[in-house]
Amino acid sequence: MPYIEALLPTVVVALIFWFVIRAVSNVDRTERLAEAEVDEQMKSNLGETGKNSSQSEN
């Protein structure tokens, strides 16, 4: 039993650290996906705007 009492705080801290790192990683992944989606939308909007402006000049 003293071994468990000695190792328990380390295991608990390690699990908390793992959950925090996993949460940060998931948030980063979702943020990158959202940013890529917004970039893609902006590129497509700029492409449409560029086509419309070149047509109106002719």
PDB file of N, CA and C in Angstrom:
ATOM      1  N   MET A   1       0.800  -1.206   0.000  1.00  0.00           N
ATOM      2  CA  MET A   1       0.000   0.000   0.000  1.00  0.00           C
ATOM      3  C   MET A   1       0.846   1.275   0.000  1.00  0.00           C
ATOM      4  N   PRO A   2       1.996   1.314   0.653  1.00  0.00           N
ATOM      5  CA  PRO A   2       2.799   2.549   0.617  1.00  0.00           C
ATOM      6  C   PRO A   2       3.313   2.875  -0.788  1.00  0.00           C
ATOM      7  N   TYR A   3       3.480   1.826  -1.614  1.00  0.00           N
ATOM      8  CA  TYR A   3       3.921   2.086  -2.982  1.00  0.00           C
ATOM      9  C   TYR A   3       2.853   2.839  -3.765  1.00  0.00           C
ATOM     10  N   ILE A   4       1.617   2.442  -3.573  1.00  0.00           N
ATOM     11  CA  ILE A   4       0.505   3.103  -4.246  1.00  0.00           C
ATOM     12  C   ILE A   4       0.389   4.551  -3.780  1.00  0.00           C
ATOM     13  N   GLU A   5       0.510   4.758  -2.487  1.00  0.00           N
ATOM     14  CA  GLU A   5       0.442   6.119  -1.957  1.00  0.00           C
ATOM     15  C   GLU A   5       1.595   6.975  -2.467  1.00  0.00           C
ATOM     16  N   ALA A   6       2.706   6.372  -2.721  1.00  0.00           N
ATOM     17  CA  ALA A   6       3.857   7.123  -3.219  1.00  0.00           C
ATOM     18  C   ALA A   6       3.719   7.445  -4.711  1.00  0.00           C
ATOM     19  N   LEU A   7       3.145   6.521  -5.461  1.00  0.00           N
ATOM     20  CA  LEU A   7       3.034   6.712  -6.899  1.00  0.00           C
ATOM     21  C   LEU A   7       1.759   7.433  -7.332  1.00  0.00           C
ATOM     22  N   LEU A   8       0.740   7.442  -6.509  1.00  0.00           N
ATOM     23  CA  LEU A   8      -0.549   8.024  -6.879  1.00  0.00           C
ATOM     24  C   LEU A   8      -0.453   9.505  -7.276  1.00  0.00           C
ATOM     25  N   PRO A   9       0.221  10.357  -6.527  1.00  0.00           N
ATOM     26  CA  PRO A   9       0.304  11.760  -6.948  1.00  0.00           C
ATOM     27  C   PRO A   9       0.969  11.939  -8.316  1.00  0.00           C
ATOM     28  N   THR A  10       2.002  11.158  -8.576  1.00  0.00           N
ATOM     29  CA  THR A  10       2.680  11.240  -9.867  1.00  0.00           C
ATOM     30  C   THR A  10       1.756  10.813 -11.000  1.00  0.00           C
ATOM     31  N   VAL A  11       1.024   9.743 -10.793  1.00  0.00           N
ATOM     32  CA  VAL A  11       0.108   9.246 -11.814  1.00  0.00           C
ATOM     33  C   VAL A  11      -1.013  10.257 -12.057  1.00  0.00           C
ATOM     34  N   VAL A  12      -1.547  10.843 -10.993  1.00  0.00           N
ATOM     35  CA  VAL A  12      -2.625  11.824 -11.137  1.00  0.00           C
ATOM     36  C   VAL A  12      -2.137  13.052 -11.894  1.00  0.00           C
ATOM     37  N   VAL A  13      -0.969  13.550 -11.545  1.00  0.00           N
ATOM     38  CA  VAL A  13      -0.418  14.716 -12.240  1.00  0.00           C
ATOM     39  C   VAL A  13      -0.131  14.382 -13.705  1.00  0.00           C
ATOM     40  N   ALA A  14       0.367  13.201 -13.963  1.00  0.00           N
ATOM     41  CA  ALA A  14       0.638  12.786 -15.341  1.00  0.00           C
ATOM     42  C   ALA A  14      -0.662  12.708 -16.144  1.00  0.00           C
ATOM     43  N   LEU A  15      -1.719  12.199 -15.559  1.00  0.00           N
ATOM     44  CA  LEU A  15      -3.010  12.132 -16.260  1.00  0.00           C
ATOM     45  C   LEU A  15      -3.575  13.524 -16.526  1.00  0.00           C
ATOM     46  N   ILE A  16      -3.467  14.400 -15.557  1.00  0.00           N
ATOM     47  CA  ILE A  16      -3.940  15.776 -15.761  1.00  0.00           C
ATOM     48  C   ILE A  16      -3.138  16.437 -16.886  1.00  0.00           C
ATOM     49  N   PHE A  17      -1.820  16.264 -16.871  1.00  0.00           N
ATOM     50  CA  PHE A  17      -0.966  16.810 -17.915  1.00  0.00           C
ATOM     51  C   PHE A  17      -1.365  16.258 -19.278  1.00  0.00           C
ATOM     52  N   TRP A  18      -1.629  14.954 -19.351  1.00  0.00           N
ATOM     53  CA  TRP A  18      -2.016  14.326 -20.613  1.00  0.00           C
ATOM     54  C   TRP A  18      -3.340  14.891 -21.121  1.00  0.00           C
ATOM     55  N   PHE A  19      -4.336  15.062 -20.238  1.00  0.00           N
ATOM     56  CA  PHE A  19      -5.616  15.617 -20.651  1.00  0.00           C
ATOM     57  C   PHE A  19      -5.471  17.052 -21.140  1.00  0.00           C
ATOM     58  N   VAL A  20      -4.652  17.840 -20.466  1.00  0.00           N
ATOM     59  CA  VAL A  20      -4.457  19.232 -20.881  1.00  0.00           C
ATOM     60  C   VAL A  20      -3.768  19.299 -22.242  1.00  0.00           C
ATOM     61  N   ILE A  21      -2.721  18.525 -22.431  1.00  0.00           N
ATOM     62  CA  ILE A  21      -2.012  18.512 -23.713  1.00  0.00           C
ATOM     63  C   ILE A  21      -2.934  18.015 -24.822  1.00  0.00           C
ATOM     64  N   ARG A  22      -3.741  17.018 -24.543  1.00  0.00           N
ATOM     65  CA  ARG A  22      -4.677  16.510 -25.536  1.00  0.00           C
ATOM     66  C   ARG A  22      -5.716  17.561 -25.911  1.00  0.00           C
ATOM     67  N   ALA A  23      -6.213  18.297 -24.913  1.00  0.00           N
ATOM     68  CA  ALA A  23      -7.189  19.354 -25.176  1.00  0.00           C
ATOM     69  C   ALA A  23      -6.568  20.473 -26.016  1.00  0.00           C
ATOM     70  N   VAL A  24      -5.355  20.861 -25.690  1.00  0.00           N
ATOM     71  CA  VAL A  24      -4.676  21.908 -26.461  1.00  0.00           C
ATOM     72  C   VAL A  24      -4.449  21.445 -27.898  1.00  0.00           C
ATOM     73  N   SER A  25      -4.062  20.207 -28.051  1.00  0.00           N
ATOM     74  CA  SER A  25      -3.841  19.661 -29.384  1.00  0.00           C
ATOM     75  C   SER A  25      -5.133  19.642 -30.197  1.00  0.00           C
ATOM     76  N   ASN A  26      -6.225  19.236 -29.575  1.00  0.00           N
ATOM     77  CA  ASN A  26      -7.514  19.215 -30.272  1.00  0.00           C
ATOM     78  C   ASN A  26      -7.964  20.616 -30.658  1.00  0.00           C
ATOM     79  N   VAL A  27      -7.776  21.568 -29.761  1.00  0.00           N
ATOM     80  CA  VAL A  27      -8.160  22.950 -30.070  1.00  0.00           C
ATOM     81  C   VAL A  27      -7.313  23.478 -31.221  1.00  0.00           C
ATOM     82  N   ASP A  28      -6.029  23.178 -31.204  1.00  0.00           N
ATOM     83  CA  ASP A  28      -5.144  23.626 -32.276  1.00  0.00           C
ATOM     84  C   ASP A  28      -5.560  23.020 -33.612  1.00  0.00           C
ATOM     85  N   ARG A  29      -5.901  21.744 -33.598  1.00  0.00           N
ATOM     86  CA  ARG A  29      -6.311  21.068 -34.825  1.00  0.00           C
ATOM     87  C   ARG A  29      -7.579  21.696 -35.391  1.00  0.00           C
ATOM     88  N   THR A  30      -8.561  21.947 -34.518  1.00  0.00           N
ATOM     89  CA  THR A  30      -9.818  22.539 -34.987  1.00  0.00           C
ATOM     90  C   THR A  30      -9.594  23.965 -35.467  1.00  0.00           C
ATOM     91  N   GLU A  31      -8.718  24.694 -34.797  1.00  0.00           N
ATOM     92  CA  GLU A  31      -8.439  26.064 -35.223  1.00  0.00           C
ATOM     93  C   GLU A  31      -7.775  26.078 -36.594  1.00  0.00           C
ATOM     94  N   ARG A  32      -6.862  25.148 -36.809  1.00  0.00           N
ATOM     95  CA  ARG A  32      -6.207  25.080 -38.123  1.00  0.00           C
ATOM     96  C   ARG A  32      -7.204  24.714 -39.223  1.00  0.00           C
ATOM     97  N   LEU A  33      -8.115  23.802 -38.934  1.00  0.00           N
ATOM     98  CA  LEU A  33      -9.132  23.445 -39.923  1.00  0.00           C
ATOM     99  C   LEU A  33     -10.049  24.626 -40.221  1.00  0.00           C
ATOM    100  N   ALA A  34     -10.457  25.343 -39.185  1.00  0.00           N
ATOM    101  CA  ALA A  34     -11.321  26.508 -39.385  1.00  0.00           C
ATOM    102  C   ALA A  34     -10.585  27.594 -40.160  1.00  0.00           C
ATOM    103  N   GLU A  35      -9.328  27.800 -39.847  1.00  0.00           N
ATOM    104  CA  GLU A  35      -8.553  28.818 -40.554  1.00  0.00           C
ATOM    105  C   GLU A  35      -8.369  28.442 -42.029  1.00  0.00           C
ATOM    106  N   ALA A  36      -8.145  27.178 -42.298  1.00  0.00           N
ATOM    107  CA  ALA A  36      -8.006  26.722 -43.677  1.00  0.00           C
ATOM    108  C   ALA A  36      -9.320  26.915 -44.438  1.00  0.00           C
ATOM    109  N   GLU A  37     -10.425  26.656 -43.761  1.00  0.00           N
ATOM    110  CA  GLU A  37     -11.732  26.845 -44.396  1.00  0.00           C
ATOM    111  C   GLU A  37     -11.976  28.321 -44.721  1.00  0.00           C
ATOM    112  N   VAL A  38     -11.643  29.195 -43.788  1.00  0.00           N
ATOM    113  CA  VAL A  38     -11.817  30.630 -44.017  1.00  0.00           C
ATOM    114  C   VAL A  38     -10.896  31.100 -45.140  1.00  0.00           C
ATOM    115  N   ASP A  39      -9.666  30.622 -45.145  1.00  0.00           N
ATOM    116  CA  ASP A  39      -8.737  30.990 -46.223  1.00  0.00           C
ATOM    117  C   ASP A  39      -9.275  30.550 -47.578  1.00  0.00           C
ATOM    118  N   GLU A  40      -9.821  29.352 -47.624  1.00  0.00           N
ATOM    119  CA  GLU A  40     -10.381  28.845 -48.877  1.00  0.00           C
ATOM    120  C   GLU A  40     -11.562  29.699 -49.330  1.00  0.00           C
ATOM    121  N   GLN A  41     -12.423  30.086 -48.399  1.00  0.00           N
ATOM    122  CA  GLN A  41     -13.552  30.950 -48.735  1.00  0.00           C
ATOM    123  C   GLN A  41     -13.074  32.310 -49.226  1.00  0.00           C
ATOM    124  N   MET A  42     -12.061  32.846 -48.573  1.00  0.00           N
ATOM    125  CA  MET A  42     -11.530  34.144 -48.998  1.00  0.00           C
ATOM    126  C   MET A  42     -10.926  34.057 -50.389  1.00  0.00           C
ATOM    127  N   LYS A  43     -10.208  32.971 -50.665  1.00  0.00           N
ATOM    128  CA  LYS A  43      -9.623  32.800 -51.998  1.00  0.00           C
ATOM    129  C   LYS A  43     -10.704  32.693 -53.059  1.00  0.00           C
ATOM    130  N   SER A  44     -11.759  31.941 -52.748  1.00  0.00           N
ATOM    131  CA  SER A  44     -12.834  31.800 -53.729  1.00  0.00           C
ATOM    132  C   SER A  44     -13.576  33.118 -53.914  1.00  0.00           C
ATOM    133  N   ASN A  45     -13.763  33.884 -52.841  1.00  0.00           N
ATOM    134  CA  ASN A  45     -14.408  35.189 -52.958  1.00  0.00           C
ATOM    135  C   ASN A  45     -13.545  36.157 -53.751  1.00  0.00           C
ATOM    136  N   LEU A  46     -12.249  36.140 -53.543  1.00  0.00           N
ATOM    137  CA  LEU A  46     -11.352  37.003 -54.304  1.00  0.00           C
ATOM    138  C   LEU A  46     -11.346  36.599 -55.769  1.00  0.00           C
ATOM    139  N   GLY A  47     -11.409  35.317 -56.025  1.00  0.00           N
ATOM    140  CA  GLY A  47     -11.465  34.849 -57.411  1.00  0.00           C
ATOM    141  C   GLY A  47     -12.724  35.306 -58.105  1.00  0.00           C
ATOM    142  N   GLU A  48     -13.851  35.251 -57.419  1.00  0.00           N
ATOM    143  CA  GLU A  48     -15.116  35.713 -57.999  1.00  0.00           C
ATOM    144  C   GLU A  48     -15.091  37.215 -58.199  1.00  0.00           C
ATOM    145  N   THR A  49     -14.551  37.936 -57.241  1.00  0.00           N
ATOM    146  CA  THR A  49     -14.469  39.392 -57.348  1.00  0.00           C
ATOM    147  C   THR A  49     -13.569  39.788 -58.504  1.00  0.00           C
ATOM    148  N   GLY A  50     -12.478  39.091 -58.656  1.00  0.00           N
ATOM    149  CA  GLY A  50     -11.558  39.377 -59.757  1.00  0.00           C
ATOM    150  C   GLY A  50     -12.206  39.125 -61.110  1.00  0.00           C
ATOM    151  N   LYS A  51     -12.985  38.094 -61.225  1.00  0.00           N
ATOM    152  CA  LYS A  51     -13.675  37.799 -62.487  1.00  0.00           C
ATOM    153  C   LYS A  51     -14.722  38.864 -62.774  1.00  0.00           C
ATOM    154  N   ASN A  52     -15.481  39.249 -61.761  1.00  0.00           N
ATOM    155  CA  ASN A  52     -16.527  40.260 -61.951  1.00  0.00           C
ATOM    156  C   ASN A  52     -15.931  41.601 -62.332  1.00  0.00           C
ATOM    157  N   SER A  53     -14.845  42.009 -61.718  1.00  0.00           N
ATOM    158  CA  SER A  53     -14.259  43.310 -61.993  1.00  0.00           C
ATOM    159  C   SER A  53     -13.643  43.326 -63.393  1.00  0.00           C
ATOM    160  N   SER A  54     -13.077  42.209 -63.846  1.00  0.00           N
ATOM    161  CA  SER A  54     -12.490  42.193 -65.190  1.00  0.00           C
ATOM    162  C   SER A  54     -13.578  42.187 -66.252  1.00  0.00           C
ATOM    163  N   GLN A  55     -14.733  41.607 -65.972  1.00  0.00           N
ATOM    164  CA  GLN A  55     -15.830  41.615 -66.922  1.00  0.00           C
ATOM    165  C   GLN A  55     -16.453  43.004 -67.040  1.00  0.00           C
ATOM    166  N   SER A  56     -16.537  43.724 -65.953  1.00  0.00           N
ATOM    167  CA  SER A  56     -17.149  45.039 -65.986  1.00  0.00           C
ATOM    168  C   SER A  56     -16.261  46.049 -66.690  1.00  0.00           C
ATOM    169  N   GLU A  57     -14.933  45.815 -66.723  1.00  0.00           N
ATOM    170  CA  GLU A  57     -14.028  46.731 -67.400  1.00  0.00           C
ATOM    171  C   GLU A  57     -14.124  46.616 -68.903  1.00  0.00           C
ATOM    172  N   ASN A  58     -14.533  45.438 -69.428  1.00  0.00           N
ATOM    173  CA  ASN A  58     -14.620  45.234 -70.886  1.00  0.00           C
ATOM    174  C   ASN A  58     -15.809  45.863 -71.432  1.00  0.00           C
TER     175      ASN A  58
END
